[in-house]
Amino acid sequence: MRATPLQPAPTEAAAPSEQNGGNGMPVHVAIIMDGNGRWAKARGLPRTAGHKRGADAVKRVVKGAGNLGIKYLTLFGFSSENWSRPESEVRDLFSLLRFYLENDIAELVSNGIRLNVIGDRTRLPTDTVKLIEGAEARTAANVKLVLTIALSYGGRQEIVAAARALAAESAAGRIDPAGIDEAAFAHCLFTADMPDPDLLIRTSGEQRISNFLLWQLAYSELVFTETLWPDFGQKELEEAIATYKGRERRYGAVTS
């Protein structure tokens, strides 16, 4: 269930406020990339054209995140529910992903970016899984930015799988159920070795989290923008971060 470790897992979960950079910048930004289809429809283009422009936006945002000093960037690329889309659209999406994995990984390597993919890989095409594994291996030593792509991912499914893993450990006598706490549960998630997102951005005006990082977003700041994903770039990322910086994060406490 867990992803390849990004760093040694902490023995205790850090308080959310400890994740913020000294300059108020979010350490971890998560983005629900929405609006490719609407972008294409507004221009009389096929949805495939929107996905291609969306892939260009990914490149801009990854570069922008690196420029801004963000350490973790997590993008919702393909949900477990997206498998219900037309077969031709799913095929086109994975064709774009394979193109990216084959042609752009060298740029990630040179820019110090580590690629990490989370989700149910058993449903992904075999050739895509091989490319993912190769890309993760090639970028494993990079430390400037951890780029995580959620593919065939669902937050509820992730939580259920973590619960099953803990239940199996308990049934085997390897853990005491009474000792299971939030840190132990979080350690069984795909994101076990990264801080929870400080900021979640969703593009295209929709205001919901759509089964994305349900556990991890408990204390994240949410920013919704009308900008469609293909039009999103570093400028829009900076605007969302400015909104984030203007908020007071109390985590249930009162202002001192």
C-alpha atoms as a PDB file:
ATOM      1  CA  MET A   1       0.000   0.000   0.000  1.00  0.00           C
ATOM      2  CA  ARG A   2       2.708   2.475   0.933  1.00  0.00           C
ATOM      3  CA  ALA A   3       4.719   4.346  -1.641  1.00  0.00           C
ATOM      4  CA  THR A   4       8.473   4.112  -1.876  1.00  0.00           C
ATOM      5  CA  PRO A   5       9.832   6.022   1.163  1.00  0.00           C
ATOM      6  CA  LEU A   6      10.899   9.568   0.445  1.00  0.00           C
ATOM      7  CA  GLN A   7      12.833   9.886   3.705  1.00  0.00           C
ATOM      8  CA  PRO A   8      12.949   8.026   7.023  1.00  0.00           C
ATOM      9  CA  ALA A   9       9.450   7.946   8.500  1.00  0.00           C
ATOM     10  CA  PRO A  10       9.113  10.016  11.675  1.00  0.00           C
ATOM     11  CA  THR A  11       8.295   8.237  14.903  1.00  0.00           C
ATOM     12  CA  GLU A  12       5.709  10.918  15.675  1.00  0.00           C
ATOM     13  CA  ALA A  13       3.655  13.028  13.307  1.00  0.00           C
ATOM     14  CA  ALA A  14       4.875  16.615  13.305  1.00  0.00           C
ATOM     15  CA  ALA A  15       2.403  19.271  14.345  1.00  0.00           C
ATOM     16  CA  PRO A  16       0.977  20.894  11.188  1.00  0.00           C
ATOM     17  CA  SER A  17       2.397  24.291  12.114  1.00  0.00           C
ATOM     18  CA  GLU A  18       5.888  22.801  12.147  1.00  0.00           C
ATOM     19  CA  GLN A  19       5.560  22.045   8.441  1.00  0.00           C
ATOM     20  CA  ASN A  20       5.500  25.703   7.390  1.00  0.00           C
ATOM     21  CA  GLY A  21       8.605  27.351   6.070  1.00  0.00           C
ATOM     22  CA  GLY A  22      10.235  30.139   8.051  1.00  0.00           C
ATOM     23  CA  ASN A  23       9.088  32.654   5.407  1.00  0.00           C
ATOM     24  CA  GLY A  24       5.456  31.589   5.648  1.00  0.00           C
ATOM     25  CA  MET A  25       5.650  29.609   2.416  1.00  0.00           C
ATOM     26  CA  PRO A  26       3.785  26.307   2.359  1.00  0.00           C
ATOM     27  CA  VAL A  27       6.110  23.328   2.421  1.00  0.00           C
ATOM     28  CA  HIS A  28       3.596  21.026   0.721  1.00  0.00           C
ATOM     29  CA  VAL A  29       1.091  22.157  -1.916  1.00  0.00           C
ATOM     30  CA  ALA A  30      -1.528  19.793  -3.327  1.00  0.00           C
ATOM     31  CA  ILE A  31      -3.539  20.611  -6.452  1.00  0.00           C
ATOM     32  CA  ILE A  32      -6.713  19.175  -7.955  1.00  0.00           C
ATOM     33  CA  MET A  33      -6.174  19.912 -11.633  1.00  0.00           C
ATOM     34  CA  ASP A  34      -9.655  20.592 -13.035  1.00  0.00           C
ATOM     35  CA  GLY A  35     -11.011  22.187 -16.185  1.00  0.00           C
ATOM     36  CA  ASN A  36      -9.229  20.572 -19.138  1.00  0.00           C
ATOM     37  CA  GLY A  37     -12.494  19.502 -20.753  1.00  0.00           C
ATOM     38  CA  ARG A  38     -14.182  22.878 -20.264  1.00  0.00           C
ATOM     39  CA  TRP A  39     -11.109  24.662 -21.623  1.00  0.00           C
ATOM     40  CA  ALA A  40     -11.309  22.581 -24.802  1.00  0.00           C
ATOM     41  CA  LYS A  41     -15.101  22.881 -25.149  1.00  0.00           C
ATOM     42  CA  ALA A  42     -14.953  26.670 -24.880  1.00  0.00           C
ATOM     43  CA  ARG A  43     -12.623  26.658 -27.895  1.00  0.00           C
ATOM     44  CA  GLY A  44     -14.480  24.084 -29.942  1.00  0.00           C
ATOM     45  CA  LEU A  45     -11.659  21.583 -29.500  1.00  0.00           C
ATOM     46  CA  PRO A  46     -11.715  17.893 -28.528  1.00  0.00           C
ATOM     47  CA  ARG A  47     -11.103  17.022 -24.873  1.00  0.00           C
ATOM     48  CA  THR A  48      -7.735  15.588 -25.894  1.00  0.00           C
ATOM     49  CA  ALA A  49      -6.571  19.118 -26.743  1.00  0.00           C
ATOM     50  CA  GLY A  50      -7.497  20.215 -23.233  1.00  0.00           C
ATOM     51  CA  HIS A  51      -5.513  17.369 -21.699  1.00  0.00           C
ATOM     52  CA  LYS A  52      -2.472  18.270 -23.814  1.00  0.00           C
ATOM     53  CA  ARG A  53      -2.635  21.883 -22.658  1.00  0.00           C
ATOM     54  CA  GLY A  54      -3.140  20.593 -19.136  1.00  0.00           C
ATOM     55  CA  ALA A  55       0.121  18.651 -19.433  1.00  0.00           C
ATOM     56  CA  ASP A  56       1.848  21.914 -20.380  1.00  0.00           C
ATOM     57  CA  ALA A  57       0.374  23.487 -17.242  1.00  0.00           C
ATOM     58  CA  VAL A  58       1.875  20.687 -15.148  1.00  0.00           C
ATOM     59  CA  LYS A  59       5.318  21.572 -16.473  1.00  0.00           C
ATOM     60  CA  ARG A  60       4.801  25.276 -15.707  1.00  0.00           C
ATOM     61  CA  VAL A  61       3.581  24.618 -12.180  1.00  0.00           C
ATOM     62  CA  VAL A  62       6.359  22.140 -11.383  1.00  0.00           C
ATOM     63  CA  LYS A  63       8.908  24.698 -12.532  1.00  0.00           C
ATOM     64  CA  GLY A  64       7.129  27.443 -10.604  1.00  0.00           C
ATOM     65  CA  ALA A  65       6.993  25.389  -7.414  1.00  0.00           C
ATOM     66  CA  GLY A  66      10.728  24.800  -7.672  1.00  0.00           C
ATOM     67  CA  ASN A  67      11.340  28.512  -8.206  1.00  0.00           C
ATOM     68  CA  LEU A  68       9.288  29.365  -5.115  1.00  0.00           C
ATOM     69  CA  GLY A  69      11.072  26.885  -2.859  1.00  0.00           C
ATOM     70  CA  ILE A  70       8.129  24.536  -2.325  1.00  0.00           C
ATOM     71  CA  LYS A  71       9.448  21.162  -1.178  1.00  0.00           C
ATOM     72  CA  TYR A  72       6.467  18.903  -1.946  1.00  0.00           C
ATOM     73  CA  LEU A  73       3.991  19.241  -4.805  1.00  0.00           C
ATOM     74  CA  THR A  74       1.201  16.662  -5.113  1.00  0.00           C
ATOM     75  CA  LEU A  75      -1.047  16.639  -8.198  1.00  0.00           C
ATOM     76  CA  PHE A  76      -4.307  14.723  -8.614  1.00  0.00           C
ATOM     77  CA  GLY A  77      -3.728  13.264 -12.056  1.00  0.00           C
ATOM     78  CA  PHE A  78      -6.296  10.467 -12.390  1.00  0.00           C
ATOM     79  CA  SER A  79      -8.820   9.345  -9.789  1.00  0.00           C
ATOM     80  CA  SER A  80     -10.155   5.853  -9.174  1.00  0.00           C
ATOM     81  CA  GLU A  81     -13.505   7.210 -10.413  1.00  0.00           C
ATOM     82  CA  ASN A  82     -11.958   8.415 -13.678  1.00  0.00           C
ATOM     83  CA  TRP A  83     -11.850   4.826 -14.943  1.00  0.00           C
ATOM     84  CA  SER A  84     -15.556   5.272 -15.753  1.00  0.00           C
ATOM     85  CA  ARG A  85     -14.728   7.869 -18.420  1.00  0.00           C
ATOM     86  CA  PRO A  86     -14.927   6.895 -22.112  1.00  0.00           C
ATOM     87  CA  GLU A  87     -12.254   4.352 -23.014  1.00  0.00           C
ATOM     88  CA  SER A  88     -10.849   6.611 -25.725  1.00  0.00           C
ATOM     89  CA  GLU A  89     -10.310   9.460 -23.255  1.00  0.00           C
ATOM     90  CA  VAL A  90      -8.606   7.173 -20.723  1.00  0.00           C
ATOM     91  CA  ARG A  91      -6.390   5.826 -23.488  1.00  0.00           C
ATOM     92  CA  ASP A  92      -5.426   9.349 -24.554  1.00  0.00           C
ATOM     93  CA  LEU A  93      -4.628  10.348 -20.962  1.00  0.00           C
ATOM     94  CA  PHE A  94      -2.270   7.436 -20.454  1.00  0.00           C
ATOM     95  CA  SER A  95      -0.700   8.035 -23.843  1.00  0.00           C
ATOM     96  CA  LEU A  96       0.130  11.564 -22.670  1.00  0.00           C
ATOM     97  CA  LEU A  97       1.546  10.201 -19.427  1.00  0.00           C
ATOM     98  CA  ARG A  98       3.771   7.728 -21.264  1.00  0.00           C
ATOM     99  CA  PHE A  99       5.014  10.497 -23.537  1.00  0.00           C
ATOM    100  CA  TYR A 100       5.903  12.587 -20.475  1.00  0.00           C
ATOM    101  CA  LEU A 101       7.657   9.693 -18.747  1.00  0.00           C
ATOM    102  CA  GLU A 102       9.660   8.865 -21.863  1.00  0.00           C
ATOM    103  CA  ASN A 103      10.656  12.386 -22.865  1.00  0.00           C
ATOM    104  CA  ASP A 104      10.739  14.702 -19.851  1.00  0.00           C
ATOM    105  CA  ILE A 105      12.296  12.732 -17.022  1.00  0.00           C
ATOM    106  CA  ALA A 106      15.789  13.972 -17.921  1.00  0.00           C
ATOM    107  CA  GLU A 107      14.564  17.498 -17.164  1.00  0.00           C
ATOM    108  CA  LEU A 108      13.369  16.407 -13.720  1.00  0.00           C
ATOM    109  CA  VAL A 109      16.760  14.842 -13.063  1.00  0.00           C
ATOM    110  CA  SER A 110      18.652  17.968 -14.081  1.00  0.00           C
ATOM    111  CA  ASN A 111      16.371  20.188 -11.985  1.00  0.00           C
ATOM    112  CA  GLY A 112      16.697  18.113  -8.812  1.00  0.00           C
ATOM    113  CA  ILE A 113      13.075  16.939  -8.792  1.00  0.00           C
ATOM    114  CA  ARG A 114      12.078  13.557  -7.450  1.00  0.00           C
ATOM    115  CA  LEU A 115       9.061  11.811  -8.980  1.00  0.00           C
ATOM    116  CA  ASN A 116       6.760   9.762  -6.789  1.00  0.00           C
ATOM    117  CA  VAL A 117       3.516   8.106  -7.970  1.00  0.00           C
ATOM    118  CA  ILE A 118       0.782   7.047  -5.553  1.00  0.00           C
ATOM    119  CA  GLY A 119      -2.383   5.062  -6.191  1.00  0.00           C
ATOM    120  CA  ASP A 120      -3.516   1.610  -7.253  1.00  0.00           C
ATOM    121  CA  ARG A 121      -0.902   0.525  -9.781  1.00  0.00           C
ATOM    122  CA  THR A 122      -2.618  -2.832 -10.355  1.00  0.00           C
ATOM    123  CA  ARG A 123      -5.121  -1.078 -12.634  1.00  0.00           C
ATOM    124  CA  LEU A 124      -2.501   0.780 -14.674  1.00  0.00           C
ATOM    125  CA  PRO A 125      -1.220  -0.535 -18.016  1.00  0.00           C
ATOM    126  CA  THR A 126       1.883  -2.700 -17.585  1.00  0.00           C
ATOM    127  CA  ASP A 127       4.037  -0.535 -19.841  1.00  0.00           C
ATOM    128  CA  THR A 128       3.007   2.576 -17.881  1.00  0.00           C
ATOM    129  CA  VAL A 129       3.963   0.941 -14.567  1.00  0.00           C
ATOM    130  CA  LYS A 130       7.388   0.048 -15.948  1.00  0.00           C
ATOM    131  CA  LEU A 131       7.950   3.634 -17.068  1.00  0.00           C
ATOM    132  CA  ILE A 132       6.848   4.938 -13.658  1.00  0.00           C
ATOM    133  CA  GLU A 133       9.223   2.602 -11.854  1.00  0.00           C
ATOM    134  CA  GLY A 134      12.075   3.630 -14.120  1.00  0.00           C
ATOM    135  CA  ALA A 135      11.343   7.337 -13.641  1.00  0.00           C
ATOM    136  CA  GLU A 136      11.159   6.957  -9.869  1.00  0.00           C
ATOM    137  CA  ALA A 137      14.474   5.127  -9.850  1.00  0.00           C
ATOM    138  CA  ARG A 138      16.185   7.748 -12.043  1.00  0.00           C
ATOM    139  CA  THR A 139      15.034  10.635  -9.837  1.00  0.00           C
ATOM    140  CA  ALA A 140      15.373   8.890  -6.448  1.00  0.00           C
ATOM    141  CA  ALA A 141      18.414  10.890  -5.344  1.00  0.00           C
ATOM    142  CA  ASN A 142      16.890  14.312  -6.070  1.00  0.00           C
ATOM    143  CA  VAL A 143      16.018  16.527  -3.096  1.00  0.00           C
ATOM    144  CA  LYS A 144      14.994  19.968  -4.381  1.00  0.00           C
ATOM    145  CA  LEU A 145      11.319  19.076  -4.858  1.00  0.00           C
ATOM    146  CA  VAL A 146       9.265  15.903  -4.441  1.00  0.00           C
ATOM    147  CA  LEU A 147       6.676  15.777  -7.222  1.00  0.00           C
ATOM    148  CA  THR A 148       3.927  13.293  -6.384  1.00  0.00           C
ATOM    149  CA  ILE A 149       1.341  12.304  -8.981  1.00  0.00           C
ATOM    150  CA  ALA A 150      -1.821  10.556  -7.778  1.00  0.00           C
ATOM    151  CA  LEU A 151      -2.904   8.017 -10.411  1.00  0.00           C
ATOM    152  CA  SER A 152      -5.804   5.595 -10.075  1.00  0.00           C
ATOM    153  CA  TYR A 153      -6.102   7.117  -6.625  1.00  0.00           C
ATOM    154  CA  GLY A 154      -9.020   7.435  -4.204  1.00  0.00           C
ATOM    155  CA  GLY A 155      -8.832   8.780  -0.675  1.00  0.00           C
ATOM    156  CA  ARG A 156     -11.427   6.408   0.750  1.00  0.00           C
ATOM    157  CA  GLN A 157      -9.725   3.423  -0.845  1.00  0.00           C
ATOM    158  CA  GLU A 158      -6.403   4.533   0.643  1.00  0.00           C
ATOM    159  CA  ILE A 159      -7.918   4.751   4.133  1.00  0.00           C
ATOM    160  CA  VAL A 160      -9.578   1.334   3.791  1.00  0.00           C
ATOM    161  CA  ALA A 161      -6.300  -0.219   2.643  1.00  0.00           C
ATOM    162  CA  ALA A 162      -4.457   1.320   5.600  1.00  0.00           C
ATOM    163  CA  ALA A 163      -7.082  -0.057   7.986  1.00  0.00           C
ATOM    164  CA  ARG A 164      -6.744  -3.507   6.427  1.00  0.00           C
ATOM    165  CA  ALA A 165      -2.964  -3.379   6.777  1.00  0.00           C
ATOM    166  CA  LEU A 166      -3.214  -2.531  10.463  1.00  0.00           C
ATOM    167  CA  ALA A 167      -5.869  -5.210  11.000  1.00  0.00           C
ATOM    168  CA  ALA A 168      -3.607  -7.806   9.389  1.00  0.00           C
ATOM    169  CA  GLU A 169      -0.680  -6.757  11.587  1.00  0.00           C
ATOM    170  CA  SER A 170      -2.894  -6.992  14.648  1.00  0.00           C
ATOM    171  CA  ALA A 171      -4.277 -10.410  13.677  1.00  0.00           C
ATOM    172  CA  ALA A 172      -0.719 -11.667  13.225  1.00  0.00           C
ATOM    173  CA  GLY A 173       0.164 -10.445  16.707  1.00  0.00           C
ATOM    174  CA  ARG A 174       2.753  -7.977  15.480  1.00  0.00           C
ATOM    175  CA  ILE A 175       1.010  -4.908  16.904  1.00  0.00           C
ATOM    176  CA  ASP A 176      -1.242  -4.212  19.860  1.00  0.00           C
ATOM    177  CA  PRO A 177      -4.568  -2.681  18.735  1.00  0.00           C
ATOM    178  CA  ALA A 178      -4.500  -0.457  21.805  1.00  0.00           C
ATOM    179  CA  GLY A 179      -1.288   1.085  20.513  1.00  0.00           C
ATOM    180  CA  ILE A 180      -2.725   2.174  17.175  1.00  0.00           C
ATOM    181  CA  ASP A 181      -2.822   5.967  17.060  1.00  0.00           C
ATOM    182  CA  GLU A 182      -2.957   8.637  14.359  1.00  0.00           C
ATOM    183  CA  ALA A 183       0.771   8.381  13.671  1.00  0.00           C
ATOM    184  CA  ALA A 184       0.552   4.596  13.256  1.00  0.00           C
ATOM    185  CA  PHE A 185      -2.369   4.945  10.869  1.00  0.00           C
ATOM    186  CA  ALA A 186      -0.707   7.711   8.846  1.00  0.00           C
ATOM    187  CA  HIS A 187       2.376   5.498   8.527  1.00  0.00           C
ATOM    188  CA  CYS A 188       0.278   3.051   6.470  1.00  0.00           C
ATOM    189  CA  LEU A 189      -0.825   5.638   3.913  1.00  0.00           C
ATOM    190  CA  PHE A 190       0.785   6.313   0.536  1.00  0.00           C
ATOM    191  CA  THR A 191       2.000   9.640   1.917  1.00  0.00           C
ATOM    192  CA  ALA A 192       3.641   8.148   5.017  1.00  0.00           C
ATOM    193  CA  ASP A 193       6.970   9.880   4.476  1.00  0.00           C
ATOM    194  CA  MET A 194       5.902  13.391   3.577  1.00  0.00           C
ATOM    195  CA  PRO A 195       4.226  16.171   5.567  1.00  0.00           C
ATOM    196  CA  ASP A 196       0.504  16.736   5.158  1.00  0.00           C
ATOM    197  CA  PRO A 197      -0.374  19.455   2.617  1.00  0.00           C
ATOM    198  CA  ASP A 198      -0.359  22.980   3.984  1.00  0.00           C
ATOM    199  CA  LEU A 199      -2.356  24.211   1.007  1.00  0.00           C
ATOM    200  CA  LEU A 200      -4.836  22.582  -1.369  1.00  0.00           C
ATOM    201  CA  ILE A 201      -5.656  24.379  -4.618  1.00  0.00           C
ATOM    202  CA  ARG A 202      -8.513  23.397  -6.911  1.00  0.00           C
ATOM    203  CA  THR A 203      -8.874  25.011 -10.301  1.00  0.00           C
ATOM    204  CA  SER A 204     -11.957  25.705 -12.503  1.00  0.00           C
ATOM    205  CA  GLY A 205     -14.248  27.064  -9.790  1.00  0.00           C
ATOM    206  CA  GLU A 206     -15.382  23.757  -8.313  1.00  0.00           C
ATOM    207  CA  GLN A 207     -15.380  23.754  -4.508  1.00  0.00           C
ATOM    208  CA  ARG A 208     -14.987  20.183  -3.316  1.00  0.00           C
ATOM    209  CA  ILE A 209     -12.081  17.805  -2.657  1.00  0.00           C
ATOM    210  CA  SER A 210     -13.402  14.855  -4.689  1.00  0.00           C
ATOM    211  CA  ASN A 211     -11.996  11.952  -2.647  1.00  0.00           C
ATOM    212  CA  PHE A 212      -8.466  13.378  -2.681  1.00  0.00           C
ATOM    213  CA  LEU A 213      -6.140  12.988   0.332  1.00  0.00           C
ATOM    214  CA  LEU A 214      -9.071  12.773   2.748  1.00  0.00           C
ATOM    215  CA  TRP A 215      -6.932  12.001   5.798  1.00  0.00           C
ATOM    216  CA  GLN A 216      -4.071  14.314   4.881  1.00  0.00           C
ATOM    217  CA  LEU A 217      -6.179  17.439   4.238  1.00  0.00           C
ATOM    218  CA  ALA A 218      -7.608  17.601   7.774  1.00  0.00           C
ATOM    219  CA  TYR A 219      -5.891  20.925   8.559  1.00  0.00           C
ATOM    220  CA  SER A 220      -4.959  22.155   5.106  1.00  0.00           C
ATOM    221  CA  GLU A 221      -5.971  25.579   3.857  1.00  0.00           C
ATOM    222  CA  LEU A 222      -8.238  25.339   0.798  1.00  0.00           C
ATOM    223  CA  VAL A 223      -8.062  27.795  -2.089  1.00  0.00           C
ATOM    224  CA  PHE A 224     -10.475  27.576  -5.026  1.00  0.00           C
ATOM    225  CA  THR A 225      -9.767  29.492  -8.212  1.00  0.00           C
ATOM    226  CA  GLU A 226     -11.917  30.090 -11.292  1.00  0.00           C
ATOM    227  CA  THR A 227      -8.882  29.602 -13.535  1.00  0.00           C
ATOM    228  CA  LEU A 228      -9.119  26.483 -15.687  1.00  0.00           C
ATOM    229  CA  TRP A 229      -6.155  24.164 -15.278  1.00  0.00           C
ATOM    230  CA  PRO A 230      -4.697  24.661 -18.799  1.00  0.00           C
ATOM    231  CA  ASP A 231      -4.401  28.400 -18.003  1.00  0.00           C
ATOM    232  CA  PHE A 232      -2.762  27.876 -14.597  1.00  0.00           C
ATOM    233  CA  GLY A 233       0.899  28.738 -14.085  1.00  0.00           C
ATOM    234  CA  GLN A 234       3.383  30.255 -11.636  1.00  0.00           C
ATOM    235  CA  LYS A 235       1.450  33.549 -11.445  1.00  0.00           C
ATOM    236  CA  GLU A 236      -1.725  31.758 -10.379  1.00  0.00           C
ATOM    237  CA  LEU A 237       0.269  29.587  -7.980  1.00  0.00           C
ATOM    238  CA  GLU A 238       1.736  32.713  -6.375  1.00  0.00           C
ATOM    239  CA  GLU A 239      -1.755  34.222  -6.038  1.00  0.00           C
ATOM    240  CA  ALA A 240      -3.014  31.097  -4.241  1.00  0.00           C
ATOM    241  CA  ILE A 241       0.007  31.164  -1.932  1.00  0.00           C
ATOM    242  CA  ALA A 242      -0.617  34.843  -1.176  1.00  0.00           C
ATOM    243  CA  THR A 243      -4.148  33.916  -0.094  1.00  0.00           C
ATOM    244  CA  TYR A 244      -2.700  31.142   2.054  1.00  0.00           C
ATOM    245  CA  LYS A 245      -0.224  33.519   3.697  1.00  0.00           C
ATOM    246  CA  GLY A 246      -3.067  35.870   4.607  1.00  0.00           C
ATOM    247  CA  ARG A 247      -4.799  33.259   6.728  1.00  0.00           C
ATOM    248  CA  GLU A 248      -4.219  32.390  10.369  1.00  0.00           C
ATOM    249  CA  ARG A 249      -3.779  28.675  10.983  1.00  0.00           C
ATOM    250  CA  ARG A 250      -4.798  27.802  14.548  1.00  0.00           C
ATOM    251  CA  TYR A 251      -5.452  24.035  14.318  1.00  0.00           C
ATOM    252  CA  GLY A 252      -8.283  24.257  16.828  1.00  0.00           C
ATOM    253  CA  ALA A 253      -6.396  26.526  19.239  1.00  0.00           C
ATOM    254  CA  VAL A 254      -7.116  30.171  20.011  1.00  0.00           C
ATOM    255  CA  THR A 255      -5.089  33.165  18.957  1.00  0.00           C
ATOM    256  CA  SER A 256      -2.283  33.886  21.392  1.00  0.00           C
END
